């Protein structure tokens, strides 16, 4: 999926993320910016529910957004829907790039971990 919104510029120690959510392959993506300053939404934020989203980013940290999925984990074959999303930018000043889908149990679990950012099953 190609985002029309470029990744936000790195911030010195802060969090600034471009969030792109696509309800289905035939629908244009919805794009938001999440900026967190000392754990609270910054002035550049356009993401709904930004207060809760900043709390999730603070709780999960940079490792969640840079983790490489373990190919040896068996995931349930539960289909959660056609939604896809991407999050790029910086968390605590470190670059992150993550993709999300709802194609199996593992991916649904990852999506649910950041539902305050992505919504419960698609764009807000």
PDB file of N, CA and C in Angstrom:
ATOM      1  N   UNK A   1       0.839  -1.163   0.000  1.00  0.00           N
ATOM      2  CA  UNK A   1       0.000   0.000   0.000  1.00  0.00           C
ATOM      3  C   UNK A   1       0.887   1.229   0.000  1.00  0.00           C
ATOM      4  N   UNK A   2       0.627   2.179  -0.835  1.00  0.00           N
ATOM      5  CA  UNK A   2       1.404   3.389  -0.936  1.00  0.00           C
ATOM      6  C   UNK A   2       0.665   4.521  -0.245  1.00  0.00           C
ATOM      7  N   UNK A   3       1.342   5.212   0.627  1.00  0.00           N
ATOM      8  CA  UNK A   3       0.741   6.317   1.348  1.00  0.00           C
ATOM      9  C   UNK A   3       1.003   7.619   0.616  1.00  0.00           C
ATOM     10  N   UNK A   4      -0.003   8.470   0.544  1.00  0.00           N
ATOM     11  CA  UNK A   4       0.158   9.789  -0.055  1.00  0.00           C
ATOM     12  C   UNK A   4       0.828  10.736   0.921  1.00  0.00           C
ATOM     13  N   UNK A   5       0.718  10.451   2.224  1.00  0.00           N
ATOM     14  CA  UNK A   5       1.319  11.290   3.241  1.00  0.00           C
ATOM     15  C   UNK A   5       2.740  10.817   3.484  1.00  0.00           C
ATOM     16  N   UNK A   6       3.740  11.687   3.284  1.00  0.00           N
ATOM     17  CA  UNK A   6       5.111  11.249   3.549  1.00  0.00           C
ATOM     18  C   UNK A   6       5.309  11.019   5.040  1.00  0.00           C
ATOM     19  N   UNK A   7       6.263  10.171   5.360  1.00  0.00           N
ATOM     20  CA  UNK A   7       6.579   9.932   6.761  1.00  0.00           C
ATOM     21  C   UNK A   7       6.982  11.246   7.397  1.00  0.00           C
ATOM     22  N   UNK A   8       6.517  11.508   8.611  1.00  0.00           N
ATOM     23  CA  UNK A   8       6.877  12.750   9.278  1.00  0.00           C
ATOM     24  C   UNK A   8       8.379  12.823   9.490  1.00  0.00           C
ATOM     25  N   UNK A   9       8.925  14.038   9.540  1.00  0.00           N
ATOM     26  CA  UNK A   9      10.358  14.167   9.789  1.00  0.00           C
ATOM     27  C   UNK A   9      10.693  13.694  11.188  1.00  0.00           C
ATOM     28  N   UNK A  10      11.909  13.154  11.369  1.00  0.00           N
ATOM     29  CA  UNK A  10      12.293  12.700  12.704  1.00  0.00           C
ATOM     30  C   UNK A  10      12.217  13.849  13.703  1.00  0.00           C
ATOM     31  N   UNK A  11      11.801  13.531  14.908  1.00  0.00           N
ATOM     32  CA  UNK A  11      11.767  14.545  15.947  1.00  0.00           C
ATOM     33  C   UNK A  11      12.765  14.142  17.016  1.00  0.00           C
ATOM     34  N   UNK A  12      13.372  15.117  17.635  1.00  0.00           N
ATOM     35  CA  UNK A  12      14.392  14.855  18.635  1.00  0.00           C
ATOM     36  C   UNK A  12      13.739  14.289  19.891  1.00  0.00           C
ATOM     37  N   UNK A  13      13.727  12.971  20.002  1.00  0.00           N
ATOM     38  CA  UNK A  13      13.205  12.325  21.188  1.00  0.00           C
ATOM     39  C   UNK A  13      11.696  12.226  21.263  1.00  0.00           C
ATOM     40  N   UNK A  14      10.977  12.801  20.328  1.00  0.00           N
ATOM     41  CA  UNK A  14       9.525  12.787  20.383  1.00  0.00           C
ATOM     42  C   UNK A  14       8.919  11.709  19.511  1.00  0.00           C
ATOM     43  N   UNK A  15       7.586  11.719  19.455  1.00  0.00           N
ATOM     44  CA  UNK A  15       6.847  10.765  18.643  1.00  0.00           C
ATOM     45  C   UNK A  15       6.027  11.526  17.620  1.00  0.00           C
ATOM     46  N   UNK A  16       6.216  11.179  16.360  1.00  0.00           N
ATOM     47  CA  UNK A  16       5.435  11.756  15.266  1.00  0.00           C
ATOM     48  C   UNK A  16       5.247  10.652  14.234  1.00  0.00           C
ATOM     49  N   UNK A  17       3.994  10.270  14.030  1.00  0.00           N
ATOM     50  CA  UNK A  17       3.684   9.131  13.177  1.00  0.00           C
ATOM     51  C   UNK A  17       2.679   9.495  12.093  1.00  0.00           C
ATOM     52  N   UNK A  18       2.902   8.948  10.899  1.00  0.00           N
ATOM     53  CA  UNK A  18       1.919   8.991   9.828  1.00  0.00           C
ATOM     54  C   UNK A  18       1.168   7.665   9.898  1.00  0.00           C
ATOM     55  N   UNK A  19      -0.141   7.743  10.004  1.00  0.00           N
ATOM     56  CA  UNK A  19      -0.994   6.559  10.142  1.00  0.00           C
ATOM     57  C   UNK A  19      -1.889   6.494   8.910  1.00  0.00           C
ATOM     58  N   UNK A  20      -1.805   5.402   8.169  1.00  0.00           N
ATOM     59  CA  UNK A  20      -2.617   5.211   6.975  1.00  0.00           C
ATOM     60  C   UNK A  20      -3.469   3.967   7.169  1.00  0.00           C
ATOM     61  N   UNK A  21      -4.786   4.123   7.017  1.00  0.00           N
ATOM     62  CA  UNK A  21      -5.723   3.021   7.231  1.00  0.00           C
ATOM     63  C   UNK A  21      -6.561   2.852   5.970  1.00  0.00           C
ATOM     64  N   UNK A  22      -6.642   1.620   5.510  1.00  0.00           N
ATOM     65  CA  UNK A  22      -7.446   1.298   4.320  1.00  0.00           C
ATOM     66  C   UNK A  22      -8.498   0.263   4.721  1.00  0.00           C
ATOM     67  N   UNK A  23      -9.766   0.636   4.560  1.00  0.00           N
ATOM     68  CA  UNK A  23     -10.879  -0.253   4.919  1.00  0.00           C
ATOM     69  C   UNK A  23     -10.914  -1.519   4.060  1.00  0.00           C
ATOM     70  N   UNK A  24     -10.615  -1.380   2.778  1.00  0.00           N
ATOM     71  CA  UNK A  24     -10.579  -2.513   1.857  1.00  0.00           C
ATOM     72  C   UNK A  24      -9.752  -2.105   0.642  1.00  0.00           C
ATOM     73  N   UNK A  25      -9.342  -3.073  -0.177  1.00  0.00           N
ATOM     74  CA  UNK A  25      -8.486  -2.757  -1.323  1.00  0.00           C
ATOM     75  C   UNK A  25      -9.102  -1.775  -2.326  1.00  0.00           C
ATOM     76  N   UNK A  26     -10.420  -1.714  -2.382  1.00  0.00           N
ATOM     77  CA  UNK A  26     -11.060  -0.839  -3.370  1.00  0.00           C
ATOM     78  C   UNK A  26     -11.477   0.524  -2.804  1.00  0.00           C
ATOM     79  N   UNK A  27     -11.030   0.856  -1.597  1.00  0.00           N
ATOM     80  CA  UNK A  27     -11.359   2.123  -0.956  1.00  0.00           C
ATOM     81  C   UNK A  27     -10.073   2.924  -0.744  1.00  0.00           C
ATOM     82  N   UNK A  28     -10.153   4.224  -0.980  1.00  0.00           N
ATOM     83  CA  UNK A  28      -8.991   5.087  -0.750  1.00  0.00           C
ATOM     84  C   UNK A  28      -8.615   5.077   0.728  1.00  0.00           C
ATOM     85  N   UNK A  29      -7.339   5.122   1.035  1.00  0.00           N
ATOM     86  CA  UNK A  29      -6.918   5.115   2.442  1.00  0.00           C
ATOM     87  C   UNK A  29      -7.261   6.436   3.134  1.00  0.00           C
ATOM     88  N   UNK A  30      -7.384   6.351   4.445  1.00  0.00           N
ATOM     89  CA  UNK A  30      -7.569   7.521   5.298  1.00  0.00           C
ATOM     90  C   UNK A  30      -6.237   7.741   5.990  1.00  0.00           C
ATOM     91  N   UNK A  31      -5.795   8.996   6.046  1.00  0.00           N
ATOM     92  CA  UNK A  31      -4.476   9.284   6.600  1.00  0.00           C
ATOM     93  C   UNK A  31      -4.568  10.267   7.756  1.00  0.00           C
ATOM     94  N   UNK A  32      -3.764  10.015   8.785  1.00  0.00           N
ATOM     95  CA  UNK A  32      -3.735  10.856   9.970  1.00  0.00           C
ATOM     96  C   UNK A  32      -2.286  11.083  10.388  1.00  0.00           C
ATOM     97  N   UNK A  33      -2.096  12.086  11.236  1.00  0.00           N
ATOM     98  CA  UNK A  33      -0.814  12.311  11.901  1.00  0.00           C
ATOM     99  C   UNK A  33      -1.065  12.191  13.399  1.00  0.00           C
ATOM    100  N   UNK A  34      -0.163  11.478  14.066  1.00  0.00           N
ATOM    101  CA  UNK A  34      -0.186  11.405  15.527  1.00  0.00           C
ATOM    102  C   UNK A  34       1.128  11.977  16.026  1.00  0.00           C
ATOM    103  N   UNK A  35       1.031  13.023  16.773  1.00  0.00           N
ATOM    104  CA  UNK A  35       2.202  13.652  17.375  1.00  0.00           C
ATOM    105  C   UNK A  35       2.007  13.610  18.881  1.00  0.00           C
ATOM    106  N   UNK A  36       2.984  13.084  19.597  1.00  0.00           N
ATOM    107  CA  UNK A  36       2.907  13.000  21.055  1.00  0.00           C
ATOM    108  C   UNK A  36       4.086  13.755  21.652  1.00  0.00           C
ATOM    109  N   UNK A  37       3.783  14.677  22.532  1.00  0.00           N
ATOM    110  CA  UNK A  37       4.791  15.466  23.221  1.00  0.00           C
ATOM    111  C   UNK A  37       4.618  15.204  24.707  1.00  0.00           C
ATOM    112  N   UNK A  38       5.626  14.596  25.313  1.00  0.00           N
ATOM    113  CA  UNK A  38       5.577  14.220  26.723  1.00  0.00           C
ATOM    114  C   UNK A  38       4.316  13.416  27.035  1.00  0.00           C
ATOM    115  N   UNK A  39       3.976  12.471  26.120  1.00  0.00           N
ATOM    116  CA  UNK A  39       2.858  11.568  26.329  1.00  0.00           C
ATOM    117  C   UNK A  39       1.482  12.144  26.044  1.00  0.00           C
ATOM    118  N   UNK A  40       1.418  13.367  25.551  1.00  0.00           N
ATOM    119  CA  UNK A  40       0.142  14.016  25.257  1.00  0.00           C
ATOM    120  C   UNK A  40       0.105  14.433  23.787  1.00  0.00           C
ATOM    121  N   UNK A  41      -1.089  14.516  23.195  1.00  0.00           N
ATOM    122  CA  UNK A  41      -1.187  14.910  21.781  1.00  0.00           C
ATOM    123  C   UNK A  41      -0.560  16.273  21.519  1.00  0.00           C
ATOM    124  N   UNK A  42       0.221  16.345  20.444  1.00  0.00           N
ATOM    125  CA  UNK A  42       0.855  17.595  20.059  1.00  0.00           C
ATOM    126  C   UNK A  42      -0.010  18.366  19.068  1.00  0.00           C
ATOM    127  N   UNK A  43       0.412  19.570  18.711  1.00  0.00           N
ATOM    128  CA  UNK A  43      -0.384  20.439  17.842  1.00  0.00           C
ATOM    129  C   UNK A  43      -0.546  19.918  16.417  1.00  0.00           C
ATOM    130  N   UNK A  44       0.321  19.023  15.967  1.00  0.00           N
ATOM    131  CA  UNK A  44       0.234  18.504  14.610  1.00  0.00           C
ATOM    132  C   UNK A  44      -0.677  17.294  14.471  1.00  0.00           C
ATOM    133  N   UNK A  45      -1.341  16.893  15.545  1.00  0.00           N
ATOM    134  CA  UNK A  45      -2.151  15.673  15.557  1.00  0.00           C
ATOM    135  C   UNK A  45      -3.480  15.860  14.833  1.00  0.00           C
ATOM    136  N   UNK A  46      -3.809  14.907  13.957  1.00  0.00           N
ATOM    137  CA  UNK A  46      -5.127  14.877  13.310  1.00  0.00           C
ATOM    138  C   UNK A  46      -5.859  13.578  13.618  1.00  0.00           C
ATOM    139  N   UNK A  47      -5.231  12.653  14.322  1.00  0.00           N
ATOM    140  CA  UNK A  47      -5.816  11.352  14.643  1.00  0.00           C
ATOM    141  C   UNK A  47      -6.893  11.495  15.714  1.00  0.00           C
ATOM    142  N   UNK A  48      -8.101  10.938  15.471  1.00  0.00           N
ATOM    143  CA  UNK A  48      -9.103  10.910  16.538  1.00  0.00           C
ATOM    144  C   UNK A  48      -8.589  10.080  17.714  1.00  0.00           C
ATOM    145  N   UNK A  49      -9.091  10.344  18.912  1.00  0.00           N
ATOM    146  CA  UNK A  49      -8.737   9.562  20.090  1.00  0.00           C
ATOM    147  C   UNK A  49      -7.234   9.667  20.387  1.00  0.00           C
ATOM    148  N   UNK A  50      -6.656  10.829  20.124  1.00  0.00           N
ATOM    149  CA  UNK A  50      -5.205  11.015  20.221  1.00  0.00           C
ATOM    150  C   UNK A  50      -4.658  10.821  21.632  1.00  0.00           C
ATOM    151  N   UNK A  51      -5.413  11.202  22.641  1.00  0.00           N
ATOM    152  CA  UNK A  51      -4.943  11.038  24.024  1.00  0.00           C
ATOM    153  C   UNK A  51      -4.670   9.561  24.314  1.00  0.00           C
ATOM    154  N   UNK A  52      -5.628   8.700  23.973  1.00  0.00           N
ATOM    155  CA  UNK A  52      -5.469   7.258  24.189  1.00  0.00           C
ATOM    156  C   UNK A  52      -4.378   6.691  23.281  1.00  0.00           C
ATOM    157  N   UNK A  53      -4.269   7.204  22.054  1.00  0.00           N
ATOM    158  CA  UNK A  53      -3.247   6.735  21.120  1.00  0.00           C
ATOM    159  C   UNK A  53      -1.848   7.040  21.644  1.00  0.00           C
ATOM    160  N   UNK A  54      -1.642   8.232  22.198  1.00  0.00           N
ATOM    161  CA  UNK A  54      -0.333   8.571  22.766  1.00  0.00           C
ATOM    162  C   UNK A  54      -0.007   7.666  23.949  1.00  0.00           C
ATOM    163  N   UNK A  55      -1.013   7.344  24.761  1.00  0.00           N
ATOM    164  CA  UNK A  55      -0.793   6.448  25.903  1.00  0.00           C
ATOM    165  C   UNK A  55      -0.359   5.062  25.425  1.00  0.00           C
ATOM    166  N   UNK A  56      -0.968   4.570  24.328  1.00  0.00           N
ATOM    167  CA  UNK A  56      -0.599   3.262  23.781  1.00  0.00           C
ATOM    168  C   UNK A  56       0.837   3.281  23.262  1.00  0.00           C
ATOM    169  N   UNK A  57       1.201   4.323  22.543  1.00  0.00           N
ATOM    170  CA  UNK A  57       2.571   4.425  22.020  1.00  0.00           C
ATOM    171  C   UNK A  57       3.559   4.449  23.178  1.00  0.00           C
ATOM    172  N   UNK A  58       3.257   5.200  24.224  1.00  0.00           N
ATOM    173  CA  UNK A  58       4.147   5.259  25.397  1.00  0.00           C
ATOM    174  C   UNK A  58       4.274   3.889  26.062  1.00  0.00           C
ATOM    175  N   UNK A  59       3.153   3.171  26.159  1.00  0.00           N
ATOM    176  CA  UNK A  59       3.153   1.861  26.811  1.00  0.00           C
ATOM    177  C   UNK A  59       3.905   0.814  25.989  1.00  0.00           C
ATOM    178  N   UNK A  60       3.674   0.797  24.662  1.00  0.00           N
ATOM    179  CA  UNK A  60       4.277  -0.230  23.809  1.00  0.00           C
ATOM    180  C   UNK A  60       5.733   0.073  23.464  1.00  0.00           C
ATOM    181  N   UNK A  61       6.063   1.338  23.275  1.00  0.00           N
ATOM    182  CA  UNK A  61       7.423   1.734  22.960  1.00  0.00           C
ATOM    183  C   UNK A  61       7.853   1.397  21.542  1.00  0.00           C
ATOM    184  N   UNK A  62       9.057   1.781  21.216  1.00  0.00           N
ATOM    185  CA  UNK A  62       9.590   1.640  19.863  1.00  0.00           C
ATOM    186  C   UNK A  62       9.707   0.174  19.439  1.00  0.00           C
ATOM    187  N   UNK A  63       9.970  -0.735  20.374  1.00  0.00           N
ATOM    188  CA  UNK A  63      10.168  -2.143  20.019  1.00  0.00           C
ATOM    189  C   UNK A  63       8.942  -2.760  19.354  1.00  0.00           C
ATOM    190  N   UNK A  64       7.748  -2.362  19.772  1.00  0.00           N
ATOM    191  CA  UNK A  64       6.538  -2.911  19.166  1.00  0.00           C
ATOM    192  C   UNK A  64       6.466  -2.548  17.684  1.00  0.00           C
ATOM    193  N   UNK A  65       6.823  -1.317  17.343  1.00  0.00           N
ATOM    194  CA  UNK A  65       6.691  -0.818  15.976  1.00  0.00           C
ATOM    195  C   UNK A  65       7.853  -1.215  15.068  1.00  0.00           C
ATOM    196  N   UNK A  66       8.899  -1.796  15.648  1.00  0.00           N
ATOM    197  CA  UNK A  66      10.041  -2.236  14.840  1.00  0.00           C
ATOM    198  C   UNK A  66      10.229  -3.759  14.881  1.00  0.00           C
ATOM    199  N   UNK A  67       9.378  -4.457  15.632  1.00  0.00           N
ATOM    200  CA  UNK A  67       9.510  -5.909  15.775  1.00  0.00           C
ATOM    201  C   UNK A  67       9.276  -6.618  14.444  1.00  0.00           C
ATOM    202  N   UNK A  68      10.075  -7.634  14.201  1.00  0.00           N
ATOM    203  CA  UNK A  68       9.915  -8.472  13.012  1.00  0.00           C
ATOM    204  C   UNK A  68       9.121  -9.705  13.440  1.00  0.00           C
ATOM    205  N   UNK A  69       7.988  -9.965  12.772  1.00  0.00           N
ATOM    206  CA  UNK A  69       7.181 -11.123  13.163  1.00  0.00           C
ATOM    207  C   UNK A  69       7.980 -12.426  13.070  1.00  0.00           C
ATOM    208  N   UNK A  70       7.796 -13.286  14.053  1.00  0.00           N
ATOM    209  CA  UNK A  70       8.455 -14.582  14.095  1.00  0.00           C
ATOM    210  C   UNK A  70       7.741 -15.534  13.132  1.00  0.00           C
ATOM    211  N   UNK A  71       8.437 -15.977  12.108  1.00  0.00           N
ATOM    212  CA  UNK A  71       7.850 -16.866  11.096  1.00  0.00           C
ATOM    213  C   UNK A  71       7.536 -18.258  11.650  1.00  0.00           C
ATOM    214  N   UNK A  72       8.070 -18.600  12.832  1.00  0.00           N
ATOM    215  CA  UNK A  72       7.854 -19.920  13.415  1.00  0.00           C
ATOM    216  C   UNK A  72       6.620 -19.994  14.309  1.00  0.00           C
ATOM    217  N   UNK A  73       5.935 -18.886  14.495  1.00  0.00           N
ATOM    218  CA  UNK A  73       4.732 -18.886  15.323  1.00  0.00           C
ATOM    219  C   UNK A  73       3.544 -19.309  14.471  1.00  0.00           C
ATOM    220  N   UNK A  74       2.753 -20.226  15.004  1.00  0.00           N
ATOM    221  CA  UNK A  74       1.552 -20.687  14.318  1.00  0.00           C
ATOM    222  C   UNK A  74       0.404 -19.754  14.705  1.00  0.00           C
ATOM    223  N   UNK A  75      -0.292 -19.250  13.705  1.00  0.00           N
ATOM    224  CA  UNK A  75      -1.394 -18.316  13.924  1.00  0.00           C
ATOM    225  C   UNK A  75      -2.717 -18.978  13.566  1.00  0.00           C
ATOM    226  N   UNK A  76      -3.740 -18.658  14.317  1.00  0.00           N
ATOM    227  CA  UNK A  76      -5.061 -19.188  13.987  1.00  0.00           C
ATOM    228  C   UNK A  76      -5.503 -18.613  12.647  1.00  0.00           C
ATOM    229  N   UNK A  77      -6.203 -19.409  11.905  1.00  0.00           N
ATOM    230  CA  UNK A  77      -6.693 -18.979  10.588  1.00  0.00           C
ATOM    231  C   UNK A  77      -8.079 -18.348  10.730  1.00  0.00           C
ATOM    232  N   UNK A  78      -8.097 -17.242  11.442  1.00  0.00           N
ATOM    233  CA  UNK A  78      -9.317 -16.460  11.627  1.00  0.00           C
ATOM    234  C   UNK A  78      -9.163 -15.214  10.770  1.00  0.00           C
ATOM    235  N   UNK A  79     -10.156 -14.942   9.952  1.00  0.00           N
ATOM    236  CA  UNK A  79     -10.118 -13.757   9.088  1.00  0.00           C
ATOM    237  C   UNK A  79     -10.869 -12.639   9.786  1.00  0.00           C
ATOM    238  N   UNK A  80     -10.184 -11.529  10.034  1.00  0.00           N
ATOM    239  CA  UNK A  80     -10.788 -10.399  10.735  1.00  0.00           C
ATOM    240  C   UNK A  80     -11.295  -9.298   9.834  1.00  0.00           C
ATOM    241  N   UNK A  81     -11.045  -9.403   8.533  1.00  0.00           N
ATOM    242  CA  UNK A  81     -11.510  -8.382   7.608  1.00  0.00           C
ATOM    243  C   UNK A  81     -10.416  -7.936   6.662  1.00  0.00           C
ATOM    244  N   UNK A  82     -10.784  -7.131   5.666  1.00  0.00           N
ATOM    245  CA  UNK A  82      -9.835  -6.721   4.634  1.00  0.00           C
ATOM    246  C   UNK A  82      -8.990  -5.494   5.001  1.00  0.00           C
ATOM    247  N   UNK A  83      -9.172  -4.953   6.190  1.00  0.00           N
ATOM    248  CA  UNK A  83      -8.483  -3.728   6.556  1.00  0.00           C
ATOM    249  C   UNK A  83      -6.964  -3.924   6.614  1.00  0.00           C
ATOM    250  N   UNK A  84      -6.255  -2.898   6.176  1.00  0.00           N
ATOM    251  CA  UNK A  84      -4.801  -2.854   6.286  1.00  0.00           C
ATOM    252  C   UNK A  84      -4.422  -1.466   6.791  1.00  0.00           C
ATOM    253  N   UNK A  85      -3.231  -1.358   7.345  1.00  0.00           N
ATOM    254  CA  UNK A  85      -2.767  -0.072   7.848  1.00  0.00           C
ATOM    255  C   UNK A  85      -1.248  -0.051   7.865  1.00  0.00           C
ATOM    256  N   UNK A  86      -0.715   1.154   7.899  1.00  0.00           N
ATOM    257  CA  UNK A  86       0.722   1.322   8.089  1.00  0.00           C
ATOM    258  C   UNK A  86       0.954   2.484   9.050  1.00  0.00           C
ATOM    259  N   UNK A  87       2.037   2.383   9.800  1.00  0.00           N
ATOM    260  CA  UNK A  87       2.453   3.430  10.719  1.00  0.00           C
ATOM    261  C   UNK A  87       3.934   3.661  10.469  1.00  0.00           C
ATOM    262  N   UNK A  88       4.287   4.891  10.109  1.00  0.00           N
ATOM    263  CA  UNK A  88       5.692   5.238   9.878  1.00  0.00           C
ATOM    264  C   UNK A  88       6.009   6.547  10.576  1.00  0.00           C
ATOM    265  N   UNK A  89       7.260   6.739  10.916  1.00  0.00           N
ATOM    266  CA  UNK A  89       7.691   7.991  11.539  1.00  0.00           C
ATOM    267  C   UNK A  89       8.699   7.724  12.625  1.00  0.00           C
ATOM    268  N   UNK A  90       8.509   8.366  13.786  1.00  0.00           N
ATOM    269  CA  UNK A  90       9.439   8.193  14.897  1.00  0.00           C
ATOM    270  C   UNK A  90       8.679   7.964  16.198  1.00  0.00           C
ATOM    271  N   UNK A  91       9.244   7.100  17.037  1.00  0.00           N
ATOM    272  CA  UNK A  91       8.784   6.894  18.406  1.00  0.00           C
ATOM    273  C   UNK A  91       9.995   7.132  19.289  1.00  0.00           C
ATOM    274  N   UNK A  92       9.884   8.058  20.206  1.00  0.00           N
ATOM    275  CA  UNK A  92      11.005   8.435  21.077  1.00  0.00           C
ATOM    276  C   UNK A  92      12.241   8.798  20.256  1.00  0.00           C
ATOM    277  N   UNK A  93      12.012   9.429  19.104  1.00  0.00           N
ATOM    278  CA  UNK A  93      13.107   9.876  18.252  1.00  0.00           C
ATOM    279  C   UNK A  93      13.724   8.793  17.387  1.00  0.00           C
ATOM    280  N   UNK A  94      13.237   7.564  17.482  1.00  0.00           N
ATOM    281  CA  UNK A  94      13.784   6.456  16.695  1.00  0.00           C
ATOM    282  C   UNK A  94      12.836   6.120  15.553  1.00  0.00           C
ATOM    283  N   UNK A  95      13.378   5.860  14.345  1.00  0.00           N
ATOM    284  CA  UNK A  95      12.514   5.580  13.196  1.00  0.00           C
ATOM    285  C   UNK A  95      11.760   4.262  13.348  1.00  0.00           C
ATOM    286  N   UNK A  96      10.497   4.273  12.920  1.00  0.00           N
ATOM    287  CA  UNK A  96       9.661   3.075  12.949  1.00  0.00           C
ATOM    288  C   UNK A  96       8.915   2.959  11.630  1.00  0.00           C
ATOM    289  N   UNK A  97       8.593   1.718  11.284  1.00  0.00           N
ATOM    290  CA  UNK A  97       7.797   1.433  10.098  1.00  0.00           C
ATOM    291  C   UNK A  97       7.114   0.097  10.346  1.00  0.00           C
ATOM    292  N   UNK A  98       5.781   0.120  10.415  1.00  0.00           N
ATOM    293  CA  UNK A  98       5.040  -1.106  10.714  1.00  0.00           C
ATOM    294  C   UNK A  98       3.819  -1.203   9.806  1.00  0.00           C
ATOM    295  N   UNK A  99       3.487  -2.424   9.438  1.00  0.00           N
ATOM    296  CA  UNK A  99       2.292  -2.705   8.631  1.00  0.00           C
ATOM    297  C   UNK A  99       1.366  -3.592   9.458  1.00  0.00           C
ATOM    298  N   UNK A 100       0.075  -3.408   9.236  1.00  0.00           N
ATOM    299  CA  UNK A 100      -0.932  -4.151   9.984  1.00  0.00           C
ATOM    300  C   UNK A 100      -1.993  -4.669   9.033  1.00  0.00           C
ATOM    301  N   UNK A 101      -2.575  -5.810   9.385  1.00  0.00           N
ATOM    302  CA  UNK A 101      -3.670  -6.404   8.621  1.00  0.00           C
ATOM    303  C   UNK A 101      -4.533  -7.175   9.618  1.00  0.00           C
ATOM    304  N   UNK A 102      -5.607  -7.750   9.115  1.00  0.00           N
ATOM    305  CA  UNK A 102      -6.501  -8.531   9.976  1.00  0.00           C
ATOM    306  C   UNK A 102      -6.730  -9.908   9.352  1.00  0.00           C
ATOM    307  N   UNK A 103      -5.671 -10.471   8.749  1.00  0.00           N
ATOM    308  CA  UNK A 103      -5.793 -11.685   7.951  1.00  0.00           C
ATOM    309  C   UNK A 103      -5.688 -12.990   8.729  1.00  0.00           C
ATOM    310  N   UNK A 104      -5.210 -12.938   9.984  1.00  0.00           N
ATOM    311  CA  UNK A 104      -5.148 -14.142  10.811  1.00  0.00           C
ATOM    312  C   UNK A 104      -5.102 -13.735  12.278  1.00  0.00           C
ATOM    313  N   UNK A 105      -5.115 -14.706  13.160  1.00  0.00           N
ATOM    314  CA  UNK A 105      -5.161 -14.421  14.585  1.00  0.00           C
ATOM    315  C   UNK A 105      -3.999 -13.586  15.089  1.00  0.00           C
ATOM    316  N   UNK A 106      -2.803 -13.825  14.586  1.00  0.00           N
ATOM    317  CA  UNK A 106      -1.636 -13.053  15.013  1.00  0.00           C
ATOM    318  C   UNK A 106      -1.755 -11.592  14.577  1.00  0.00           C
ATOM    319  N   UNK A 107      -2.172 -11.387  13.332  1.00  0.00           N
ATOM    320  CA  UNK A 107      -2.316 -10.020  12.823  1.00  0.00           C
ATOM    321  C   UNK A 107      -3.454  -9.279  13.523  1.00  0.00           C
ATOM    322  N   UNK A 108      -4.539  -9.980  13.802  1.00  0.00           N
ATOM    323  CA  UNK A 108      -5.655  -9.365  14.531  1.00  0.00           C
ATOM    324  C   UNK A 108      -5.178  -8.935  15.921  1.00  0.00           C
ATOM    325  N   UNK A 109      -4.378  -9.766  16.562  1.00  0.00           N
ATOM    326  CA  UNK A 109      -3.844  -9.445  17.884  1.00  0.00           C
ATOM    327  C   UNK A 109      -2.957  -8.198  17.836  1.00  0.00           C
ATOM    328  N   UNK A 110      -2.096  -8.100  16.824  1.00  0.00           N
ATOM    329  CA  UNK A 110      -1.250  -6.912  16.662  1.00  0.00           C
ATOM    330  C   UNK A 110      -2.110  -5.667  16.456  1.00  0.00           C
ATOM    331  N   UNK A 111      -3.143  -5.784  15.590  1.00  0.00           N
ATOM    332  CA  UNK A 111      -4.043  -4.655  15.322  1.00  0.00           C
ATOM    333  C   UNK A 111      -4.721  -4.227  16.631  1.00  0.00           C
ATOM    334  N   UNK A 112      -5.232  -5.214  17.370  1.00  0.00           N
ATOM    335  CA  UNK A 112      -5.939  -4.904  18.610  1.00  0.00           C
ATOM    336  C   UNK A 112      -5.030  -4.225  19.635  1.00  0.00           C
ATOM    337  N   UNK A 113      -3.733  -4.522  19.601  1.00  0.00           N
ATOM    338  CA  UNK A 113      -2.790  -3.894  20.528  1.00  0.00           C
ATOM    339  C   UNK A 113      -2.699  -2.386  20.301  1.00  0.00           C
ATOM    340  N   UNK A 114      -2.994  -1.943  19.074  1.00  0.00           N
ATOM    341  CA  UNK A 114      -2.937  -0.510  18.746  1.00  0.00           C
ATOM    342  C   UNK A 114      -4.288   0.012  18.257  1.00  0.00           C
ATOM    343  N   UNK A 115      -5.374  -0.601  18.735  1.00  0.00           N
ATOM    344  CA  UNK A 115      -6.711  -0.208  18.263  1.00  0.00           C
ATOM    345  C   UNK A 115      -7.017   1.248  18.579  1.00  0.00           C
ATOM    346  N   UNK A 116      -6.368   1.835  19.597  1.00  0.00           N
ATOM    347  CA  UNK A 116      -6.560   3.254  19.878  1.00  0.00           C
ATOM    348  C   UNK A 116      -5.974   4.120  18.768  1.00  0.00           C
ATOM    349  N   UNK A 117      -5.053   3.558  17.991  1.00  0.00           N
ATOM    350  CA  UNK A 117      -4.465   4.261  16.861  1.00  0.00           C
ATOM    351  C   UNK A 117      -5.213   3.912  15.564  1.00  0.00           C
ATOM    352  N   UNK A 118      -5.490   2.621  15.349  1.00  0.00           N
ATOM    353  CA  UNK A 118      -6.066   2.161  14.090  1.00  0.00           C
ATOM    354  C   UNK A 118      -7.580   2.032  14.092  1.00  0.00           C
ATOM    355  N   UNK A 119      -8.214   2.085  15.221  1.00  0.00           N
ATOM    356  CA  UNK A 119      -9.645   1.812  15.311  1.00  0.00           C
ATOM    357  C   UNK A 119      -9.836   0.319  15.516  1.00  0.00           C
ATOM    358  N   UNK A 120     -11.061  -0.096  15.720  1.00  0.00           N
ATOM    359  CA  UNK A 120     -11.318  -1.491  16.040  1.00  0.00           C
ATOM    360  C   UNK A 120     -11.368  -2.397  14.825  1.00  0.00           C
ATOM    361  N   UNK A 121     -11.476  -1.857  13.646  1.00  0.00           N
ATOM    362  CA  UNK A 121     -11.518  -2.700  12.471  1.00  0.00           C
ATOM    363  C   UNK A 121     -11.436  -1.879  11.219  1.00  0.00           C
ATOM    364  N   UNK A 122     -10.899  -0.705  11.296  1.00  0.00           N
ATOM    365  CA  UNK A 122     -10.794   0.153  10.125  1.00  0.00           C
ATOM    366  C   UNK A 122     -10.714   1.601  10.547  1.00  0.00           C
ATOM    367  N   UNK A 123     -10.891   2.482   9.597  1.00  0.00           N
ATOM    368  CA  UNK A 123     -10.781   3.920   9.856  1.00  0.00           C
ATOM    369  C   UNK A 123     -11.861   4.370  10.825  1.00  0.00           C
ATOM    370  N   UNK A 124     -11.565   5.429  11.534  1.00  0.00           N
ATOM    371  CA  UNK A 124     -12.499   5.979  12.535  1.00  0.00           C
ATOM    372  C   UNK A 124     -13.744   6.518  11.886  1.00  0.00           C
TER     373      UNK A 124
END
